[in-house]
Amino acid sequence: MNELGKDRKTSGLGVIRRLPRFLWRLVRDPRVPWMVKAALIGMAIYLAVPFDLIPDWIPGVGYLDDVFLVGVVVNYVIVKVPRDVIAEHWGEDVEALDRLRRKRK
């Protein structure tokens, strides 16, 4: 793979495109704690239901609740799932996924 392809894969858009498949694989993995699976399924249900805390039709802020929820759940997944399981399902560039995680002091 050339450097351009690698940059696309690890860019913000590349990470967002890979995220649904990654999360689906985690839900199906028996090594993932059931609380993590419950959080992922709950997130999927919330995103699929047409009712939101902030209606999506409001310009500029309609999707903020969805983005916030995805960020919180992905951070929770990265913290609670063993690193080797994450690496197995995400691939060799786990650092790209780590960039999504909130920095802690």
PDB file of N, CA and C in Angstrom:
ATOM      1  N   MET A   1       0.855  -1.176   0.000  1.00  0.00           N
ATOM      2  CA  MET A   1       0.000   0.000   0.000  1.00  0.00           C
ATOM      3  C   MET A   1       0.898   1.235   0.000  1.00  0.00           C
ATOM      4  N   ASN A   2       0.537   2.221  -0.783  1.00  0.00           N
ATOM      5  CA  ASN A   2       1.344   3.442  -0.843  1.00  0.00           C
ATOM      6  C   ASN A   2       0.992   4.380   0.306  1.00  0.00           C
ATOM      7  N   GLU A   3       1.768   5.425   0.441  1.00  0.00           N
ATOM      8  CA  GLU A   3       1.564   6.361   1.540  1.00  0.00           C
ATOM      9  C   GLU A   3       0.208   7.066   1.439  1.00  0.00           C
ATOM     10  N   LEU A   4      -0.239   7.341   0.209  1.00  0.00           N
ATOM     11  CA  LEU A   4      -1.526   8.007   0.040  1.00  0.00           C
ATOM     12  C   LEU A   4      -2.658   7.138   0.569  1.00  0.00           C
ATOM     13  N   GLY A   5      -2.641   5.844   0.240  1.00  0.00           N
ATOM     14  CA  GLY A   5      -3.662   4.921   0.727  1.00  0.00           C
ATOM     15  C   GLY A   5      -3.630   4.791   2.225  1.00  0.00           C
ATOM     16  N   LYS A   6      -2.442   4.773   2.792  1.00  0.00           N
ATOM     17  CA  LYS A   6      -2.320   4.672   4.241  1.00  0.00           C
ATOM     18  C   LYS A   6      -2.886   5.926   4.909  1.00  0.00           C
ATOM     19  N   ASP A   7      -2.629   7.089   4.328  1.00  0.00           N
ATOM     20  CA  ASP A   7      -3.155   8.333   4.890  1.00  0.00           C
ATOM     21  C   ASP A   7      -4.676   8.342   4.852  1.00  0.00           C
ATOM     22  N   ARG A   8      -5.256   7.844   3.776  1.00  0.00           N
ATOM     23  CA  ARG A   8      -6.712   7.797   3.682  1.00  0.00           C
ATOM     24  C   ARG A   8      -7.293   6.858   4.729  1.00  0.00           C
ATOM     25  N   LYS A   9      -6.628   5.751   4.955  1.00  0.00           N
ATOM     26  CA  LYS A   9      -7.110   4.755   5.893  1.00  0.00           C
ATOM     27  C   LYS A   9      -7.063   5.262   7.327  1.00  0.00           C
ATOM     28  N   THR A  10      -6.073   6.082   7.642  1.00  0.00           N
ATOM     29  CA  THR A  10      -5.916   6.573   9.010  1.00  0.00           C
ATOM     30  C   THR A  10      -6.451   7.988   9.193  1.00  0.00           C
ATOM     31  N   SER A  11      -6.972   8.592   8.141  1.00  0.00           N
ATOM     32  CA  SER A  11      -7.531   9.931   8.275  1.00  0.00           C
ATOM     33  C   SER A  11      -8.840   9.859   9.053  1.00  0.00           C
ATOM     34  N   GLY A  12      -9.339  11.009   9.454  1.00  0.00           N
ATOM     35  CA  GLY A  12     -10.597  11.050  10.200  1.00  0.00           C
ATOM     36  C   GLY A  12     -11.736  10.406   9.438  1.00  0.00           C
ATOM     37  N   LEU A  13     -11.838  10.683   8.148  1.00  0.00           N
ATOM     38  CA  LEU A  13     -12.901  10.102   7.335  1.00  0.00           C
ATOM     39  C   LEU A  13     -12.717   8.594   7.190  1.00  0.00           C
ATOM     40  N   GLY A  14     -11.470   8.146   7.037  1.00  0.00           N
ATOM     41  CA  GLY A  14     -11.199   6.713   6.942  1.00  0.00           C
ATOM     42  C   GLY A  14     -11.579   5.984   8.211  1.00  0.00           C
ATOM     43  N   VAL A  15     -11.300   6.593   9.348  1.00  0.00           N
ATOM     44  CA  VAL A  15     -11.651   5.995  10.637  1.00  0.00           C
ATOM     45  C   VAL A  15     -13.167   5.910  10.765  1.00  0.00           C
ATOM     46  N   ILE A  16     -13.862   6.956  10.385  1.00  0.00           N
ATOM     47  CA  ILE A  16     -15.325   6.965  10.477  1.00  0.00           C
ATOM     48  C   ILE A  16     -15.938   5.907   9.568  1.00  0.00           C
ATOM     49  N   ARG A  17     -15.365   5.709   8.404  1.00  0.00           N
ATOM     50  CA  ARG A  17     -15.888   4.688   7.484  1.00  0.00           C
ATOM     51  C   ARG A  17     -15.672   3.279   8.020  1.00  0.00           C
ATOM     52  N   ARG A  18     -14.588   3.049   8.738  1.00  0.00           N
ATOM     53  CA  ARG A  18     -14.280   1.714   9.254  1.00  0.00           C
ATOM     54  C   ARG A  18     -14.995   1.412  10.561  1.00  0.00           C
ATOM     55  N   LEU A  19     -15.461   2.425  11.249  1.00  0.00           N
ATOM     56  CA  LEU A  19     -16.030   2.263  12.584  1.00  0.00           C
ATOM     57  C   LEU A  19     -17.236   1.327  12.646  1.00  0.00           C
ATOM     58  N   PRO A  20     -18.235   1.433  11.769  1.00  0.00           N
ATOM     59  CA  PRO A  20     -19.401   0.536  11.884  1.00  0.00           C
ATOM     60  C   PRO A  20     -19.033  -0.953  11.784  1.00  0.00           C
ATOM     61  N   ARG A  21     -18.182  -1.304  10.846  1.00  0.00           N
ATOM     62  CA  ARG A  21     -17.775  -2.707  10.703  1.00  0.00           C
ATOM     63  C   ARG A  21     -17.005  -3.174  11.937  1.00  0.00           C
ATOM     64  N   PHE A  22     -16.130  -2.321  12.461  1.00  0.00           N
ATOM     65  CA  PHE A  22     -15.367  -2.631  13.659  1.00  0.00           C
ATOM     66  C   PHE A  22     -16.298  -2.880  14.844  1.00  0.00           C
ATOM     67  N   LEU A  23     -17.267  -2.006  15.046  1.00  0.00           N
ATOM     68  CA  LEU A  23     -18.190  -2.146  16.170  1.00  0.00           C
ATOM     69  C   LEU A  23     -19.063  -3.390  16.024  1.00  0.00           C
ATOM     70  N   TRP A  24     -19.473  -3.697  14.797  1.00  0.00           N
ATOM     71  CA  TRP A  24     -20.267  -4.905  14.553  1.00  0.00           C
ATOM     72  C   TRP A  24     -19.457  -6.159  14.887  1.00  0.00           C
ATOM     73  N   ARG A  25     -18.178  -6.166  14.530  1.00  0.00           N
ATOM     74  CA  ARG A  25     -17.324  -7.314  14.860  1.00  0.00           C
ATOM     75  C   ARG A  25     -17.166  -7.462  16.367  1.00  0.00           C
ATOM     76  N   LEU A  26     -17.072  -6.355  17.073  1.00  0.00           N
ATOM     77  CA  LEU A  26     -16.956  -6.430  18.530  1.00  0.00           C
ATOM     78  C   LEU A  26     -18.217  -7.003  19.168  1.00  0.00           C
ATOM     79  N   VAL A  27     -19.385  -6.633  18.660  1.00  0.00           N
ATOM     80  CA  VAL A  27     -20.638  -7.152  19.202  1.00  0.00           C
ATOM     81  C   VAL A  27     -20.694  -8.671  19.045  1.00  0.00           C
ATOM     82  N   ARG A  28     -20.130  -9.180  17.997  1.00  0.00           N
ATOM     83  CA  ARG A  28     -20.177 -10.617  17.727  1.00  0.00           C
ATOM     84  C   ARG A  28     -19.059 -11.411  18.407  1.00  0.00           C
ATOM     85  N   ASP A  29     -18.076 -10.743  18.984  1.00  0.00           N
ATOM     86  CA  ASP A  29     -16.928 -11.416  19.589  1.00  0.00           C
ATOM     87  C   ASP A  29     -17.256 -11.847  21.020  1.00  0.00           C
ATOM     88  N   PRO A  30     -17.069 -13.136  21.361  1.00  0.00           N
ATOM     89  CA  PRO A  30     -17.385 -13.600  22.721  1.00  0.00           C
ATOM     90  C   PRO A  30     -16.426 -13.082  23.796  1.00  0.00           C
ATOM     91  N   ARG A  31     -15.279 -12.539  23.427  1.00  0.00           N
ATOM     92  CA  ARG A  31     -14.318 -12.015  24.407  1.00  0.00           C
ATOM     93  C   ARG A  31     -14.667 -10.614  24.890  1.00  0.00           C
ATOM     94  N   VAL A  32     -15.600  -9.959  24.227  1.00  0.00           N
ATOM     95  CA  VAL A  32     -15.997  -8.594  24.588  1.00  0.00           C
ATOM     96  C   VAL A  32     -17.002  -8.664  25.733  1.00  0.00           C
ATOM     97  N   PRO A  33     -16.793  -7.882  26.797  1.00  0.00           N
ATOM     98  CA  PRO A  33     -17.718  -7.900  27.941  1.00  0.00           C
ATOM     99  C   PRO A  33     -19.152  -7.549  27.522  1.00  0.00           C
ATOM    100  N   TRP A  34     -20.106  -8.155  28.216  1.00  0.00           N
ATOM    101  CA  TRP A  34     -21.502  -7.956  27.831  1.00  0.00           C
ATOM    102  C   TRP A  34     -21.961  -6.509  28.008  1.00  0.00           C
ATOM    103  N   MET A  35     -21.361  -5.773  28.955  1.00  0.00           N
ATOM    104  CA  MET A  35     -21.734  -4.369  29.139  1.00  0.00           C
ATOM    105  C   MET A  35     -21.342  -3.526  27.915  1.00  0.00           C
ATOM    106  N   VAL A  36     -20.218  -3.858  27.317  1.00  0.00           N
ATOM    107  CA  VAL A  36     -19.793  -3.157  26.104  1.00  0.00           C
ATOM    108  C   VAL A  36     -20.758  -3.466  24.969  1.00  0.00           C
ATOM    109  N   LYS A  37     -21.136  -4.725  24.855  1.00  0.00           N
ATOM    110  CA  LYS A  37     -22.098  -5.109  23.810  1.00  0.00           C
ATOM    111  C   LYS A  37     -23.430  -4.394  24.025  1.00  0.00           C
ATOM    112  N   ALA A  38     -23.865  -4.292  25.273  1.00  0.00           N
ATOM    113  CA  ALA A  38     -25.118  -3.594  25.579  1.00  0.00           C
ATOM    114  C   ALA A  38     -25.027  -2.123  25.191  1.00  0.00           C
ATOM    115  N   ALA A  39     -23.880  -1.499  25.458  1.00  0.00           N
ATOM    116  CA  ALA A  39     -23.695  -0.089  25.087  1.00  0.00           C
ATOM    117  C   ALA A  39     -23.734   0.077  23.573  1.00  0.00           C
ATOM    118  N   LEU A  40     -23.106  -0.830  22.843  1.00  0.00           N
ATOM    119  CA  LEU A  40     -23.098  -0.754  21.374  1.00  0.00           C
ATOM    120  C   LEU A  40     -24.498  -0.964  20.798  1.00  0.00           C
ATOM    121  N   ILE A  41     -25.223  -1.926  21.334  1.00  0.00           N
ATOM    122  CA  ILE A  41     -26.582  -2.181  20.850  1.00  0.00           C
ATOM    123  C   ILE A  41     -27.498  -1.014  21.205  1.00  0.00           C
ATOM    124  N   GLY A  42     -27.338  -0.470  22.402  1.00  0.00           N
ATOM    125  CA  GLY A  42     -28.132   0.700  22.789  1.00  0.00           C
ATOM    126  C   GLY A  42     -27.861   1.892  21.897  1.00  0.00           C
ATOM    127  N   MET A  43     -26.585   2.094  21.552  1.00  0.00           N
ATOM    128  CA  MET A  43     -26.235   3.184  20.647  1.00  0.00           C
ATOM    129  C   MET A  43     -26.881   2.975  19.275  1.00  0.00           C
ATOM    130  N   ALA A  44     -26.824   1.756  18.773  1.00  0.00           N
ATOM    131  CA  ALA A  44     -27.420   1.469  17.463  1.00  0.00           C
ATOM    132  C   ALA A  44     -28.920   1.721  17.475  1.00  0.00           C
ATOM    133  N   ILE A  45     -29.578   1.330  18.548  1.00  0.00           N
ATOM    134  CA  ILE A  45     -31.024   1.555  18.651  1.00  0.00           C
ATOM    135  C   ILE A  45     -31.322   3.053  18.695  1.00  0.00           C
ATOM    136  N   TYR A  46     -30.570   3.802  19.499  1.00  0.00           N
ATOM    137  CA  TYR A  46     -30.796   5.248  19.590  1.00  0.00           C
ATOM    138  C   TYR A  46     -30.611   5.919  18.226  1.00  0.00           C
ATOM    139  N   LEU A  47     -29.564   5.510  17.496  1.00  0.00           N
ATOM    140  CA  LEU A  47     -29.312   6.122  16.192  1.00  0.00           C
ATOM    141  C   LEU A  47     -30.369   5.739  15.161  1.00  0.00           C
ATOM    142  N   ALA A  48     -30.981   4.562  15.322  1.00  0.00           N
ATOM    143  CA  ALA A  48     -31.979   4.096  14.360  1.00  0.00           C
ATOM    144  C   ALA A  48     -33.373   4.665  14.617  1.00  0.00           C
ATOM    145  N   VAL A  49     -33.665   4.993  15.866  1.00  0.00           N
ATOM    146  CA  VAL A  49     -34.988   5.505  16.226  1.00  0.00           C
ATOM    147  C   VAL A  49     -35.129   6.933  15.685  1.00  0.00           C
ATOM    148  N   PRO A  50     -36.274   7.265  15.130  1.00  0.00           N
ATOM    149  CA  PRO A  50     -36.423   8.604  14.532  1.00  0.00           C
ATOM    150  C   PRO A  50     -36.552   9.745  15.549  1.00  0.00           C
ATOM    151  N   PHE A  51     -36.688   9.448  16.818  1.00  0.00           N
ATOM    152  CA  PHE A  51     -36.813  10.491  17.833  1.00  0.00           C
ATOM    153  C   PHE A  51     -35.471  10.715  18.514  1.00  0.00           C
ATOM    154  N   ASP A  52     -35.057  11.972  18.617  1.00  0.00           N
ATOM    155  CA  ASP A  52     -33.778  12.344  19.213  1.00  0.00           C
ATOM    156  C   ASP A  52     -33.991  13.382  20.304  1.00  0.00           C
ATOM    157  N   LEU A  53     -32.972  13.548  21.147  1.00  0.00           N
ATOM    158  CA  LEU A  53     -33.009  14.625  22.132  1.00  0.00           C
ATOM    159  C   LEU A  53     -33.019  15.984  21.439  1.00  0.00           C
ATOM    160  N   ILE A  54     -32.195  16.103  20.398  1.00  0.00           N
ATOM    161  CA  ILE A  54     -32.166  17.305  19.562  1.00  0.00           C
ATOM    162  C   ILE A  54     -32.633  16.869  18.178  1.00  0.00           C
ATOM    163  N   PRO A  55     -33.770  17.364  17.698  1.00  0.00           N
ATOM    164  CA  PRO A  55     -34.265  16.936  16.383  1.00  0.00           C
ATOM    165  C   PRO A  55     -33.243  17.195  15.272  1.00  0.00           C
ATOM    166  N   ASP A  56     -33.092  16.214  14.384  1.00  0.00           N
ATOM    167  CA  ASP A  56     -32.095  16.303  13.316  1.00  0.00           C
ATOM    168  C   ASP A  56     -32.387  17.404  12.308  1.00  0.00           C
ATOM    169  N   TRP A  57     -33.615  17.872  12.239  1.00  0.00           N
ATOM    170  CA  TRP A  57     -33.947  18.891  11.248  1.00  0.00           C
ATOM    171  C   TRP A  57     -33.474  20.292  11.650  1.00  0.00           C
ATOM    172  N   ILE A  58     -32.991  20.465  12.871  1.00  0.00           N
ATOM    173  CA  ILE A  58     -32.485  21.775  13.297  1.00  0.00           C
ATOM    174  C   ILE A  58     -31.101  21.987  12.686  1.00  0.00           C
ATOM    175  N   PRO A  59     -30.942  22.991  11.825  1.00  0.00           N
ATOM    176  CA  PRO A  59     -29.658  23.182  11.137  1.00  0.00           C
ATOM    177  C   PRO A  59     -28.505  23.466  12.096  1.00  0.00           C
ATOM    178  N   GLY A  60     -27.405  22.793  11.857  1.00  0.00           N
ATOM    179  CA  GLY A  60     -26.195  23.047  12.627  1.00  0.00           C
ATOM    180  C   GLY A  60     -26.071  22.295  13.937  1.00  0.00           C
ATOM    181  N   VAL A  61     -27.163  22.005  14.604  1.00  0.00           N
ATOM    182  CA  VAL A  61     -27.079  21.324  15.898  1.00  0.00           C
ATOM    183  C   VAL A  61     -27.879  20.026  15.941  1.00  0.00           C
ATOM    184  N   GLY A  62     -28.559  19.710  14.884  1.00  0.00           N
ATOM    185  CA  GLY A  62     -29.439  18.543  14.873  1.00  0.00           C
ATOM    186  C   GLY A  62     -28.758  17.220  15.118  1.00  0.00           C
ATOM    187  N   TYR A  63     -27.513  17.104  14.724  1.00  0.00           N
ATOM    188  CA  TYR A  63     -26.808  15.832  14.883  1.00  0.00           C
ATOM    189  C   TYR A  63     -25.844  15.827  16.060  1.00  0.00           C
ATOM    190  N   LEU A  64     -25.815  16.873  16.862  1.00  0.00           N
ATOM    191  CA  LEU A  64     -24.881  16.946  17.983  1.00  0.00           C
ATOM    192  C   LEU A  64     -25.088  15.816  18.990  1.00  0.00           C
ATOM    193  N   ASP A  65     -26.335  15.479  19.302  1.00  0.00           N
ATOM    194  CA  ASP A  65     -26.569  14.401  20.262  1.00  0.00           C
ATOM    195  C   ASP A  65     -26.073  13.068  19.722  1.00  0.00           C
ATOM    196  N   ASP A  66     -26.244  12.842  18.416  1.00  0.00           N
ATOM    197  CA  ASP A  66     -25.759  11.605  17.805  1.00  0.00           C
ATOM    198  C   ASP A  66     -24.235  11.529  17.846  1.00  0.00           C
ATOM    199  N   VAL A  67     -23.573  12.607  17.481  1.00  0.00           N
ATOM    200  CA  VAL A  67     -22.111  12.649  17.480  1.00  0.00           C
ATOM    201  C   VAL A  67     -21.573  12.470  18.894  1.00  0.00           C
ATOM    202  N   PHE A  68     -22.190  13.124  19.853  1.00  0.00           N
ATOM    203  CA  PHE A  68     -21.763  13.003  21.249  1.00  0.00           C
ATOM    204  C   PHE A  68     -21.908  11.561  21.738  1.00  0.00           C
ATOM    205  N   LEU A  69     -23.042  10.937  21.447  1.00  0.00           N
ATOM    206  CA  LEU A  69     -23.284   9.562  21.878  1.00  0.00           C
ATOM    207  C   LEU A  69     -22.260   8.603  21.268  1.00  0.00           C
ATOM    208  N   VAL A  70     -22.001   8.731  19.985  1.00  0.00           N
ATOM    209  CA  VAL A  70     -21.017   7.865  19.327  1.00  0.00           C
ATOM    210  C   VAL A  70     -19.645   8.062  19.959  1.00  0.00           C
ATOM    211  N   GLY A  71     -19.260   9.295  20.228  1.00  0.00           N
ATOM    212  CA  GLY A  71     -17.964   9.560  20.851  1.00  0.00           C
ATOM    213  C   GLY A  71     -17.832   8.941  22.223  1.00  0.00           C
ATOM    214  N   VAL A  72     -18.870   9.064  23.025  1.00  0.00           N
ATOM    215  CA  VAL A  72     -18.844   8.500  24.385  1.00  0.00           C
ATOM    216  C   VAL A  72     -18.766   6.974  24.329  1.00  0.00           C
ATOM    217  N   VAL A  73     -19.557   6.364  23.469  1.00  0.00           N
ATOM    218  CA  VAL A  73     -19.576   4.899  23.394  1.00  0.00           C
ATOM    219  C   VAL A  73     -18.262   4.367  22.828  1.00  0.00           C
ATOM    220  N   VAL A  74     -17.715   4.990  21.806  1.00  0.00           N
ATOM    221  CA  VAL A  74     -16.440   4.533  21.245  1.00  0.00           C
ATOM    222  C   VAL A  74     -15.334   4.668  22.283  1.00  0.00           C
ATOM    223  N   ASN A  75     -15.320   5.751  23.029  1.00  0.00           N
ATOM    224  CA  ASN A  75     -14.322   5.904  24.093  1.00  0.00           C
ATOM    225  C   ASN A  75     -14.483   4.791  25.131  1.00  0.00           C
ATOM    226  N   TYR A  76     -15.700   4.483  25.512  1.00  0.00           N
ATOM    227  CA  TYR A  76     -15.978   3.418  26.471  1.00  0.00           C
ATOM    228  C   TYR A  76     -15.484   2.072  25.939  1.00  0.00           C
ATOM    229  N   VAL A  77     -15.746   1.803  24.673  1.00  0.00           N
ATOM    230  CA  VAL A  77     -15.306   0.550  24.058  1.00  0.00           C
ATOM    231  C   VAL A  77     -13.787   0.438  24.092  1.00  0.00           C
ATOM    232  N   ILE A  78     -13.097   1.491  23.726  1.00  0.00           N
ATOM    233  CA  ILE A  78     -11.632   1.464  23.683  1.00  0.00           C
ATOM    234  C   ILE A  78     -11.048   1.241  25.077  1.00  0.00           C
ATOM    235  N   VAL A  79     -11.700   1.781  26.086  1.00  0.00           N
ATOM    236  CA  VAL A  79     -11.212   1.622  27.462  1.00  0.00           C
ATOM    237  C   VAL A  79     -11.494   0.216  28.000  1.00  0.00           C
ATOM    238  N   LYS A  80     -12.657  -0.347  27.714  1.00  0.00           N
ATOM    239  CA  LYS A  80     -13.097  -1.592  28.341  1.00  0.00           C
ATOM    240  C   LYS A  80     -12.705  -2.874  27.599  1.00  0.00           C
ATOM    241  N   VAL A  81     -12.482  -2.801  26.297  1.00  0.00           N
ATOM    242  CA  VAL A  81     -12.160  -4.003  25.526  1.00  0.00           C
ATOM    243  C   VAL A  81     -10.643  -4.203  25.543  1.00  0.00           C
ATOM    244  N   PRO A  82     -10.192  -5.454  25.758  1.00  0.00           N
ATOM    245  CA  PRO A  82      -8.743  -5.708  25.751  1.00  0.00           C
ATOM    246  C   PRO A  82      -8.080  -5.250  24.455  1.00  0.00           C
ATOM    247  N   ARG A  83      -6.876  -4.736  24.606  1.00  0.00           N
ATOM    248  CA  ARG A  83      -6.137  -4.154  23.479  1.00  0.00           C
ATOM    249  C   ARG A  83      -5.940  -5.149  22.337  1.00  0.00           C
ATOM    250  N   ASP A  84      -5.673  -6.422  22.655  1.00  0.00           N
ATOM    251  CA  ASP A  84      -5.446  -7.406  21.596  1.00  0.00           C
ATOM    252  C   ASP A  84      -6.712  -7.676  20.786  1.00  0.00           C
ATOM    253  N   VAL A  85      -7.878  -7.611  21.427  1.00  0.00           N
ATOM    254  CA  VAL A  85      -9.145  -7.796  20.709  1.00  0.00           C
ATOM    255  C   VAL A  85      -9.391  -6.609  19.785  1.00  0.00           C
ATOM    256  N   ILE A  86      -9.117  -5.409  20.278  1.00  0.00           N
ATOM    257  CA  ILE A  86      -9.268  -4.219  19.445  1.00  0.00           C
ATOM    258  C   ILE A  86      -8.337  -4.300  18.243  1.00  0.00           C
ATOM    259  N   ALA A  87      -7.087  -4.661  18.470  1.00  0.00           N
ATOM    260  CA  ALA A  87      -6.111  -4.751  17.379  1.00  0.00           C
ATOM    261  C   ALA A  87      -6.525  -5.809  16.361  1.00  0.00           C
ATOM    262  N   GLU A  88      -7.063  -6.914  16.824  1.00  0.00           N
ATOM    263  CA  GLU A  88      -7.490  -7.984  15.912  1.00  0.00           C
ATOM    264  C   GLU A  88      -8.601  -7.521  14.978  1.00  0.00           C
ATOM    265  N   HIS A  89      -9.564  -6.796  15.516  1.00  0.00           N
ATOM    266  CA  HIS A  89     -10.712  -6.381  14.706  1.00  0.00           C
ATOM    267  C   HIS A  89     -10.469  -5.085  13.944  1.00  0.00           C
ATOM    268  N   TRP A  90      -9.627  -4.220  14.456  1.00  0.00           N
ATOM    269  CA  TRP A  90      -9.380  -2.946  13.782  1.00  0.00           C
ATOM    270  C   TRP A  90      -8.316  -3.072  12.712  1.00  0.00           C
ATOM    271  N   GLY A  91      -7.230  -3.756  13.029  1.00  0.00           N
ATOM    272  CA  GLY A  91      -6.127  -3.889  12.082  1.00  0.00           C
ATOM    273  C   GLY A  91      -4.847  -3.353  12.683  1.00  0.00           C
ATOM    274  N   GLU A  92      -3.858  -3.220  11.837  1.00  0.00           N
ATOM    275  CA  GLU A  92      -2.524  -2.866  12.311  1.00  0.00           C
ATOM    276  C   GLU A  92      -2.387  -1.417  12.747  1.00  0.00           C
ATOM    277  N   ASP A  93      -3.230  -0.538  12.312  1.00  0.00           N
ATOM    278  CA  ASP A  93      -3.101   0.887  12.621  1.00  0.00           C
ATOM    279  C   ASP A  93      -4.021   1.308  13.775  1.00  0.00           C
ATOM    280  N   VAL A  94      -3.863   0.659  14.912  1.00  0.00           N
ATOM    281  CA  VAL A  94      -4.702   0.937  16.082  1.00  0.00           C
ATOM    282  C   VAL A  94      -4.506   2.370  16.552  1.00  0.00           C
ATOM    283  N   GLU A  95      -3.365   2.969  16.236  1.00  0.00           N
ATOM    284  CA  GLU A  95      -3.116   4.353  16.639  1.00  0.00           C
ATOM    285  C   GLU A  95      -4.167   5.300  16.064  1.00  0.00           C
ATOM    286  N   ALA A  96      -4.676   4.992  14.876  1.00  0.00           N
ATOM    287  CA  ALA A  96      -5.719   5.833  14.274  1.00  0.00           C
ATOM    288  C   ALA A  96      -6.985   5.805  15.131  1.00  0.00           C
ATOM    289  N   LEU A  97      -7.299   4.653  15.655  1.00  0.00           N
ATOM    290  CA  LEU A  97      -8.468   4.540  16.526  1.00  0.00           C
ATOM    291  C   LEU A  97      -8.206   5.206  17.871  1.00  0.00           C
ATOM    292  N   ASP A  98      -6.978   5.101  18.358  1.00  0.00           N
ATOM    293  CA  ASP A  98      -6.617   5.727  19.632  1.00  0.00           C
ATOM    294  C   ASP A  98      -6.770   7.241  19.586  1.00  0.00           C
ATOM    295  N   ARG A  99      -6.616   7.833  18.412  1.00  0.00           N
ATOM    296  CA  ARG A  99      -6.771   9.285  18.290  1.00  0.00           C
ATOM    297  C   ARG A  99      -8.198   9.731  18.588  1.00  0.00           C
ATOM    298  N   LEU A 100      -9.156   8.817  18.441  1.00  0.00           N
ATOM    299  CA  LEU A 100     -10.544   9.150  18.757  1.00  0.00           C
ATOM    300  C   LEU A 100     -10.775   9.200  20.257  1.00  0.00           C
ATOM    301  N   ARG A 101      -9.933   8.511  20.991  1.00  0.00           N
ATOM    302  CA  ARG A 101     -10.096   8.436  22.446  1.00  0.00           C
ATOM    303  C   ARG A 101      -9.748   9.758  23.096  1.00  0.00           C
ATOM    304  N   ARG A 102     -10.528  10.122  24.071  1.00  0.00           N
ATOM    305  CA  ARG A 102     -10.298  11.356  24.803  1.00  0.00           C
ATOM    306  C   ARG A 102      -9.009  11.225  25.583  1.00  0.00           C
ATOM    307  N   LYS A 103      -8.178  12.260  25.538  1.00  0.00           N
ATOM    308  CA  LYS A 103      -6.902  12.265  26.263  1.00  0.00           C
ATOM    309  C   LYS A 103      -7.173  12.447  27.749  1.00  0.00           C
ATOM    310  N   ARG A 104      -6.485  11.666  28.551  1.00  0.00           N
ATOM    311  CA  ARG A 104      -6.609  11.768  30.012  1.00  0.00           C
ATOM    312  C   ARG A 104      -5.281  12.169  30.590  1.00  0.00           C
ATOM    313  N   LYS A 105      -5.312  12.962  31.662  1.00  0.00           N
ATOM    314  CA  LYS A 105      -4.081  13.426  32.312  1.00  0.00           C
ATOM    315  C   LYS A 105      -3.674  12.481  33.403  1.00  0.00           C
TER     316      LYS A 105
END
